[in-house]
PDB file of all heavy atoms in Angstrom:
ATOM      1  N   HIS A   1       3.051   6.068  90.378  1.00  0.00           N
ATOM      2  CA  HIS A   1       3.191   6.366  88.957  1.00  0.00           C
ATOM      3  C   HIS A   1       4.423   7.247  88.765  1.00  0.00           C
ATOM      4  O   HIS A   1       4.762   8.055  89.630  1.00  0.00           O
ATOM      5  CB  HIS A   1       1.953   7.105  88.424  1.00  0.00           C
ATOM      6  CG  HIS A   1       0.672   6.357  88.606  1.00  0.00           C
ATOM      7  ND1 HIS A   1       0.166   5.506  87.649  1.00  0.00           N
ATOM      8  CD2 HIS A   1      -0.208   6.325  89.636  1.00  0.00           C
ATOM      9  CE1 HIS A   1      -0.976   4.986  88.089  1.00  0.00           C
ATOM     10  NE2 HIS A   1      -1.220   5.470  89.287  1.00  0.00           N
ATOM     11  N   LYS A   2       5.064   7.117  87.622  1.00  0.00           N
ATOM     12  CA  LYS A   2       6.234   7.951  87.340  1.00  0.00           C
ATOM     13  C   LYS A   2       5.799   9.327  86.872  1.00  0.00           C
ATOM     14  O   LYS A   2       4.988   9.462  85.958  1.00  0.00           O
ATOM     15  CB  LYS A   2       7.132   7.299  86.284  1.00  0.00           C
ATOM     16  CG  LYS A   2       8.419   8.089  86.019  1.00  0.00           C
ATOM     17  CD  LYS A   2       9.276   7.446  84.947  1.00  0.00           C
ATOM     18  CE  LYS A   2       9.932   6.181  85.467  1.00  0.00           C
ATOM     19  NZ  LYS A   2      10.929   5.660  84.480  1.00  0.00           N
ATOM     20  N   SER A   3       6.309  10.334  87.515  1.00  0.00           N
ATOM     21  CA  SER A   3       6.061  11.720  87.125  1.00  0.00           C
ATOM     22  C   SER A   3       7.418  12.376  86.874  1.00  0.00           C
ATOM     23  O   SER A   3       8.467  11.784  87.178  1.00  0.00           O
ATOM     24  CB  SER A   3       5.292  12.460  88.228  1.00  0.00           C
ATOM     25  OG  SER A   3       4.916  13.756  87.805  1.00  0.00           O
ATOM     26  N   HIS A   4       7.395  13.580  86.328  1.00  0.00           N
ATOM     27  CA  HIS A   4       8.650  14.230  85.944  1.00  0.00           C
ATOM     28  C   HIS A   4       8.659  15.718  86.280  1.00  0.00           C
ATOM     29  O   HIS A   4       7.608  16.369  86.313  1.00  0.00           O
ATOM     30  CB  HIS A   4       8.884  14.095  84.430  1.00  0.00           C
ATOM     31  CG  HIS A   4       8.955  12.695  83.933  1.00  0.00           C
ATOM     32  ND1 HIS A   4       7.824  11.935  83.691  1.00  0.00           N
ATOM     33  CD2 HIS A   4      10.022  11.901  83.643  1.00  0.00           C
ATOM     34  CE1 HIS A   4       8.181  10.739  83.253  1.00  0.00           C
ATOM     35  NE2 HIS A   4       9.506  10.689  83.223  1.00  0.00           N
ATOM     36  N   ASN A   5       9.856  16.227  86.493  1.00  0.00           N
ATOM     37  CA  ASN A   5      10.129  17.660  86.489  1.00  0.00           C
ATOM     38  C   ASN A   5      11.017  17.934  85.288  1.00  0.00           C
ATOM     39  O   ASN A   5      11.928  17.150  84.988  1.00  0.00           O
ATOM     40  CB  ASN A   5      10.883  18.097  87.748  1.00  0.00           C
ATOM     41  CG  ASN A   5      10.036  18.001  89.003  1.00  0.00           C
ATOM     42  OD1 ASN A   5       8.843  18.312  88.990  1.00  0.00           O
ATOM     43  ND2 ASN A   5      10.642  17.580  90.109  1.00  0.00           N
ATOM     44  N   ILE A   6      10.762  19.033  84.597  1.00  0.00           N
ATOM     45  CA  ILE A   6      11.649  19.456  83.511  1.00  0.00           C
ATOM     46  C   ILE A   6      12.330  20.745  83.953  1.00  0.00           C
ATOM     47  O   ILE A   6      11.668  21.673  84.433  1.00  0.00           O
ATOM     48  CB  ILE A   6      10.902  19.631  82.178  1.00  0.00           C
ATOM     49  CG1 ILE A   6      11.857  20.133  81.099  1.00  0.00           C
ATOM     50  CG2 ILE A   6       9.689  20.529  82.299  1.00  0.00           C
ATOM     51  CD1 ILE A   6      11.250  20.135  79.694  1.00  0.00           C
ATOM     52  N   ILE A   7      13.657  20.782  83.834  1.00  0.00           N
ATOM     53  CA  ILE A   7      14.436  21.907  84.335  1.00  0.00           C
ATOM     54  C   ILE A   7      15.218  22.528  83.189  1.00  0.00           C
ATOM     55  O   ILE A   7      16.038  21.857  82.535  1.00  0.00           O
ATOM     56  CB  ILE A   7      15.422  21.455  85.439  1.00  0.00           C
ATOM     57  CG1 ILE A   7      14.674  20.723  86.550  1.00  0.00           C
ATOM     58  CG2 ILE A   7      16.180  22.650  85.997  1.00  0.00           C
ATOM     59  CD1 ILE A   7      14.789  19.208  86.454  1.00  0.00           C
ATOM     60  N   ALA A   8      14.974  23.803  82.926  1.00  0.00           N
ATOM     61  CA  ALA A   8      15.699  24.543  81.888  1.00  0.00           C
ATOM     62  C   ALA A   8      16.608  25.562  82.569  1.00  0.00           C
ATOM     63  O   ALA A   8      16.152  26.338  83.414  1.00  0.00           O
ATOM     64  CB  ALA A   8      14.716  25.253  80.953  1.00  0.00           C
ATOM     65  N   THR A   9      17.890  25.559  82.190  1.00  0.00           N
ATOM     66  CA  THR A   9      18.874  26.433  82.836  1.00  0.00           C
ATOM     67  C   THR A   9      19.520  27.362  81.817  1.00  0.00           C
ATOM     68  O   THR A   9      20.037  26.911  80.784  1.00  0.00           O
ATOM     69  CB  THR A   9      19.973  25.602  83.521  1.00  0.00           C
ATOM     70  OG1 THR A   9      19.376  24.700  84.457  1.00  0.00           O
ATOM     71  CG2 THR A   9      20.959  26.500  84.250  1.00  0.00           C
ATOM     72  N   ARG A  10      19.473  28.644  82.112  1.00  0.00           N
ATOM     73  CA  ARG A  10      20.188  29.649  81.305  1.00  0.00           C
ATOM     74  C   ARG A  10      21.365  30.137  82.142  1.00  0.00           C
ATOM     75  O   ARG A  10      21.183  30.810  83.166  1.00  0.00           O
ATOM     76  CB  ARG A  10      19.258  30.799  80.924  1.00  0.00           C
ATOM     77  CG  ARG A  10      19.879  31.808  79.952  1.00  0.00           C
ATOM     78  CD  ARG A  10      18.869  32.856  79.505  1.00  0.00           C
ATOM     79  NE  ARG A  10      19.468  33.877  78.663  1.00  0.00           N
ATOM     80  CZ  ARG A  10      19.621  33.802  77.345  1.00  0.00           C
ATOM     81  NH1 ARG A  10      19.193  32.697  76.716  1.00  0.00           N
ATOM     82  NH2 ARG A  10      20.182  34.780  76.649  1.00  0.00           N
ATOM     83  N   SER A  11      22.553  29.791  81.708  1.00  0.00           N
ATOM     84  CA  SER A  11      23.757  30.070  82.482  1.00  0.00           C
ATOM     85  C   SER A  11      24.219  31.519  82.295  1.00  0.00           C
ATOM     86  O   SER A  11      23.938  32.132  81.261  1.00  0.00           O
ATOM     87  CB  SER A  11      24.886  29.130  82.066  1.00  0.00           C
ATOM     88  OG  SER A  11      24.499  27.784  82.221  1.00  0.00           O
ATOM     89  N   PRO A  12      24.945  32.049  83.268  1.00  0.00           N
ATOM     90  CA  PRO A  12      25.507  33.395  83.122  1.00  0.00           C
ATOM     91  C   PRO A  12      26.798  33.359  82.297  1.00  0.00           C
ATOM     92  O   PRO A  12      27.301  32.284  81.952  1.00  0.00           O
ATOM     93  CB  PRO A  12      25.790  33.798  84.572  1.00  0.00           C
ATOM     94  CG  PRO A  12      26.090  32.507  85.258  1.00  0.00           C
ATOM     95  CD  PRO A  12      25.197  31.476  84.607  1.00  0.00           C
ATOM     96  N   LYS A  13      27.337  34.529  82.007  1.00  0.00           N
ATOM     97  CA  LYS A  13      28.592  34.603  81.248  1.00  0.00           C
ATOM     98  C   LYS A  13      29.747  34.056  82.077  1.00  0.00           C
ATOM     99  O   LYS A  13      30.623  33.358  81.565  1.00  0.00           O
ATOM    100  CB  LYS A  13      28.883  36.058  80.872  1.00  0.00           C
ATOM    101  CG  LYS A  13      27.860  36.701  79.969  1.00  0.00           C
ATOM    102  CD  LYS A  13      28.212  38.171  79.742  1.00  0.00           C
ATOM    103  CE  LYS A  13      27.172  38.894  78.914  1.00  0.00           C
ATOM    104  NZ  LYS A  13      27.487  40.341  78.766  1.00  0.00           N
ATOM    105  N   GLY A  14      29.756  34.405  83.357  1.00  0.00           N
ATOM    106  CA  GLY A  14      30.861  34.012  84.217  1.00  0.00           C
ATOM    107  C   GLY A  14      30.454  33.017  85.272  1.00  0.00           C
ATOM    108  O   GLY A  14      29.539  32.208  85.084  1.00  0.00           O
ATOM    109  N   GLU A  15      31.132  33.103  86.402  1.00  0.00           N
ATOM    110  CA  GLU A  15      30.872  32.193  87.507  1.00  0.00           C
ATOM    111  C   GLU A  15      29.468  32.404  88.073  1.00  0.00           C
ATOM    112  O   GLU A  15      29.000  33.539  88.190  1.00  0.00           O
ATOM    113  CB  GLU A  15      31.908  32.438  88.608  1.00  0.00           C
ATOM    114  CG  GLU A  15      31.720  31.577  89.842  1.00  0.00           C
ATOM    115  CD  GLU A  15      32.669  31.969  90.964  1.00  0.00           C
ATOM    116  OE1 GLU A  15      33.485  32.891  90.755  1.00  0.00           O
ATOM    117  OE2 GLU A  15      32.565  31.369  92.056  1.00  0.00           O
ATOM    118  N   VAL A  16      28.805  31.310  88.409  1.00  0.00           N
ATOM    119  CA  VAL A  16      27.476  31.407  89.013  1.00  0.00           C
ATOM    120  C   VAL A  16      27.630  31.823  90.472  1.00  0.00           C
ATOM    121  O   VAL A  16      28.165  31.071  91.290  1.00  0.00           O
ATOM    122  CB  VAL A  16      26.719  30.067  88.926  1.00  0.00           C
ATOM    123  CG1 VAL A  16      25.342  30.206  89.595  1.00  0.00           C
ATOM    124  CG2 VAL A  16      26.558  29.634  87.478  1.00  0.00           C
ATOM    125  N   LYS A  17      27.139  33.016  90.786  1.00  0.00           N
ATOM    126  CA  LYS A  17      27.229  33.515  92.158  1.00  0.00           C
ATOM    127  C   LYS A  17      25.866  33.583  92.840  1.00  0.00           C
ATOM    128  O   LYS A  17      25.782  33.644  94.059  1.00  0.00           O
ATOM    129  CB  LYS A  17      27.894  34.893  92.177  1.00  0.00           C
ATOM    130  CG  LYS A  17      29.345  34.867  91.713  1.00  0.00           C
ATOM    131  CD  LYS A  17      29.991  36.235  91.829  1.00  0.00           C
ATOM    132  CE  LYS A  17      31.461  36.194  91.398  1.00  0.00           C
ATOM    133  NZ  LYS A  17      32.104  37.524  91.494  1.00  0.00           N
ATOM    134  N   LYS A  18      24.811  33.583  92.055  1.00  0.00           N
ATOM    135  CA  LYS A  18      23.460  33.545  92.614  1.00  0.00           C
ATOM    136  C   LYS A  18      22.521  32.979  91.560  1.00  0.00           C
ATOM    137  O   LYS A  18      22.853  32.914  90.366  1.00  0.00           O
ATOM    138  CB  LYS A  18      22.998  34.916  93.101  1.00  0.00           C
ATOM    139  CG  LYS A  18      23.010  36.018  92.062  1.00  0.00           C
ATOM    140  CD  LYS A  18      22.614  37.349  92.699  1.00  0.00           C
ATOM    141  CE  LYS A  18      22.661  38.484  91.676  1.00  0.00           C
ATOM    142  NZ  LYS A  18      22.273  39.787  92.276  1.00  0.00           N
ATOM    143  N   ARG A  19      21.348  32.596  92.014  1.00  0.00           N
ATOM    144  CA  ARG A  19      20.430  31.854  91.132  1.00  0.00           C
ATOM    145  C   ARG A  19      18.993  32.241  91.444  1.00  0.00           C
ATOM    146  O   ARG A  19      18.611  32.411  92.598  1.00  0.00           O
ATOM    147  CB  ARG A  19      20.625  30.357  91.356  1.00  0.00           C
ATOM    148  CG  ARG A  19      19.662  29.450  90.641  1.00  0.00           C
ATOM    149  CD  ARG A  19      19.803  28.004  91.097  1.00  0.00           C
ATOM    150  NE  ARG A  19      21.146  27.461  90.889  1.00  0.00           N
ATOM    151  CZ  ARG A  19      21.958  27.082  91.862  1.00  0.00           C
ATOM    152  NH1 ARG A  19      21.574  27.207  93.139  1.00  0.00           N
ATOM    153  NH2 ARG A  19      23.144  26.597  91.601  1.00  0.00           N
ATOM    154  N   ILE A  20      18.196  32.358  90.400  1.00  0.00           N
ATOM    155  CA  ILE A  20      16.756  32.556  90.573  1.00  0.00           C
ATOM    156  C   ILE A  20      16.029  31.456  89.811  1.00  0.00           C
ATOM    157  O   ILE A  20      16.382  31.139  88.669  1.00  0.00           O
ATOM    158  CB  ILE A  20      16.285  33.961  90.128  1.00  0.00           C
ATOM    159  CG1 ILE A  20      14.782  34.137  90.446  1.00  0.00           C
ATOM    160  CG2 ILE A  20      16.597  34.234  88.668  1.00  0.00           C
ATOM    161  CD1 ILE A  20      14.304  35.577  90.351  1.00  0.00           C
ATOM    162  N   ILE A  21      15.058  30.865  90.451  1.00  0.00           N
ATOM    163  CA  ILE A  21      14.284  29.775  89.867  1.00  0.00           C
ATOM    164  C   ILE A  21      12.828  30.190  89.752  1.00  0.00           C
ATOM    165  O   ILE A  21      12.223  30.649  90.726  1.00  0.00           O
ATOM    166  CB  ILE A  21      14.382  28.500  90.727  1.00  0.00           C
ATOM    167  CG1 ILE A  21      15.835  28.008  90.810  1.00  0.00           C
ATOM    168  CG2 ILE A  21      13.485  27.399  90.172  1.00  0.00           C
ATOM    169  CD1 ILE A  21      16.023  26.820  91.744  1.00  0.00           C
ATOM    170  N   LEU A  22      12.262  30.030  88.568  1.00  0.00           N
ATOM    171  CA  LEU A  22      10.837  30.226  88.347  1.00  0.00           C
ATOM    172  C   LEU A  22      10.218  28.850  88.171  1.00  0.00           C
ATOM    173  O   LEU A  22      10.699  28.046  87.369  1.00  0.00           O
ATOM    174  CB  LEU A  22      10.583  31.074  87.099  1.00  0.00           C
ATOM    175  CG  LEU A  22      11.278  32.440  87.051  1.00  0.00           C
ATOM    176  CD1 LEU A  22      10.959  33.146  85.736  1.00  0.00           C
ATOM    177  CD2 LEU A  22      10.867  33.316  88.228  1.00  0.00           C
ATOM    178  N   VAL A  23       9.179  28.561  88.921  1.00  0.00           N
ATOM    179  CA  VAL A  23       8.577  27.227  88.866  1.00  0.00           C
ATOM    180  C   VAL A  23       7.074  27.324  88.675  1.00  0.00           C
ATOM    181  O   VAL A  23       6.415  28.209  89.241  1.00  0.00           O
ATOM    182  CB  VAL A  23       8.921  26.409  90.147  1.00  0.00           C
ATOM    183  CG1 VAL A  23       8.466  27.139  91.398  1.00  0.00           C
ATOM    184  CG2 VAL A  23       8.294  25.023  90.103  1.00  0.00           C
ATOM    185  N   ALA A  24       6.550  26.449  87.832  1.00  0.00           N
ATOM    186  CA  ALA A  24       5.105  26.354  87.601  1.00  0.00           C
ATOM    187  C   ALA A  24       4.799  24.897  87.289  1.00  0.00           C
ATOM    188  O   ALA A  24       5.643  24.186  86.738  1.00  0.00           O
ATOM    189  CB  ALA A  24       4.667  27.258  86.456  1.00  0.00           C
ATOM    190  N   HIS A  25       3.604  24.447  87.622  1.00  0.00           N
ATOM    191  CA  HIS A  25       3.312  23.019  87.442  1.00  0.00           C
ATOM    192  C   HIS A  25       2.589  22.742  86.128  1.00  0.00           C
ATOM    193  O   HIS A  25       1.716  23.500  85.703  1.00  0.00           O
ATOM    194  CB  HIS A  25       2.518  22.466  88.628  1.00  0.00           C
ATOM    195  CG  HIS A  25       1.133  23.010  88.801  1.00  0.00           C
ATOM    196  ND1 HIS A  25       0.030  22.421  88.211  1.00  0.00           N
ATOM    197  CD2 HIS A  25       0.661  24.069  89.503  1.00  0.00           C
ATOM    198  CE1 HIS A  25      -1.061  23.096  88.561  1.00  0.00           C
ATOM    199  NE2 HIS A  25      -0.703  24.102  89.337  1.00  0.00           N
TER     200      HIS A  25
END
């Protein structure tokens, strides 16, 4: 069956140097 992930990204002001991901199902 087809399932999905939805990904929301809030970008920084400048260059992306590190990233934190919060995930819940």
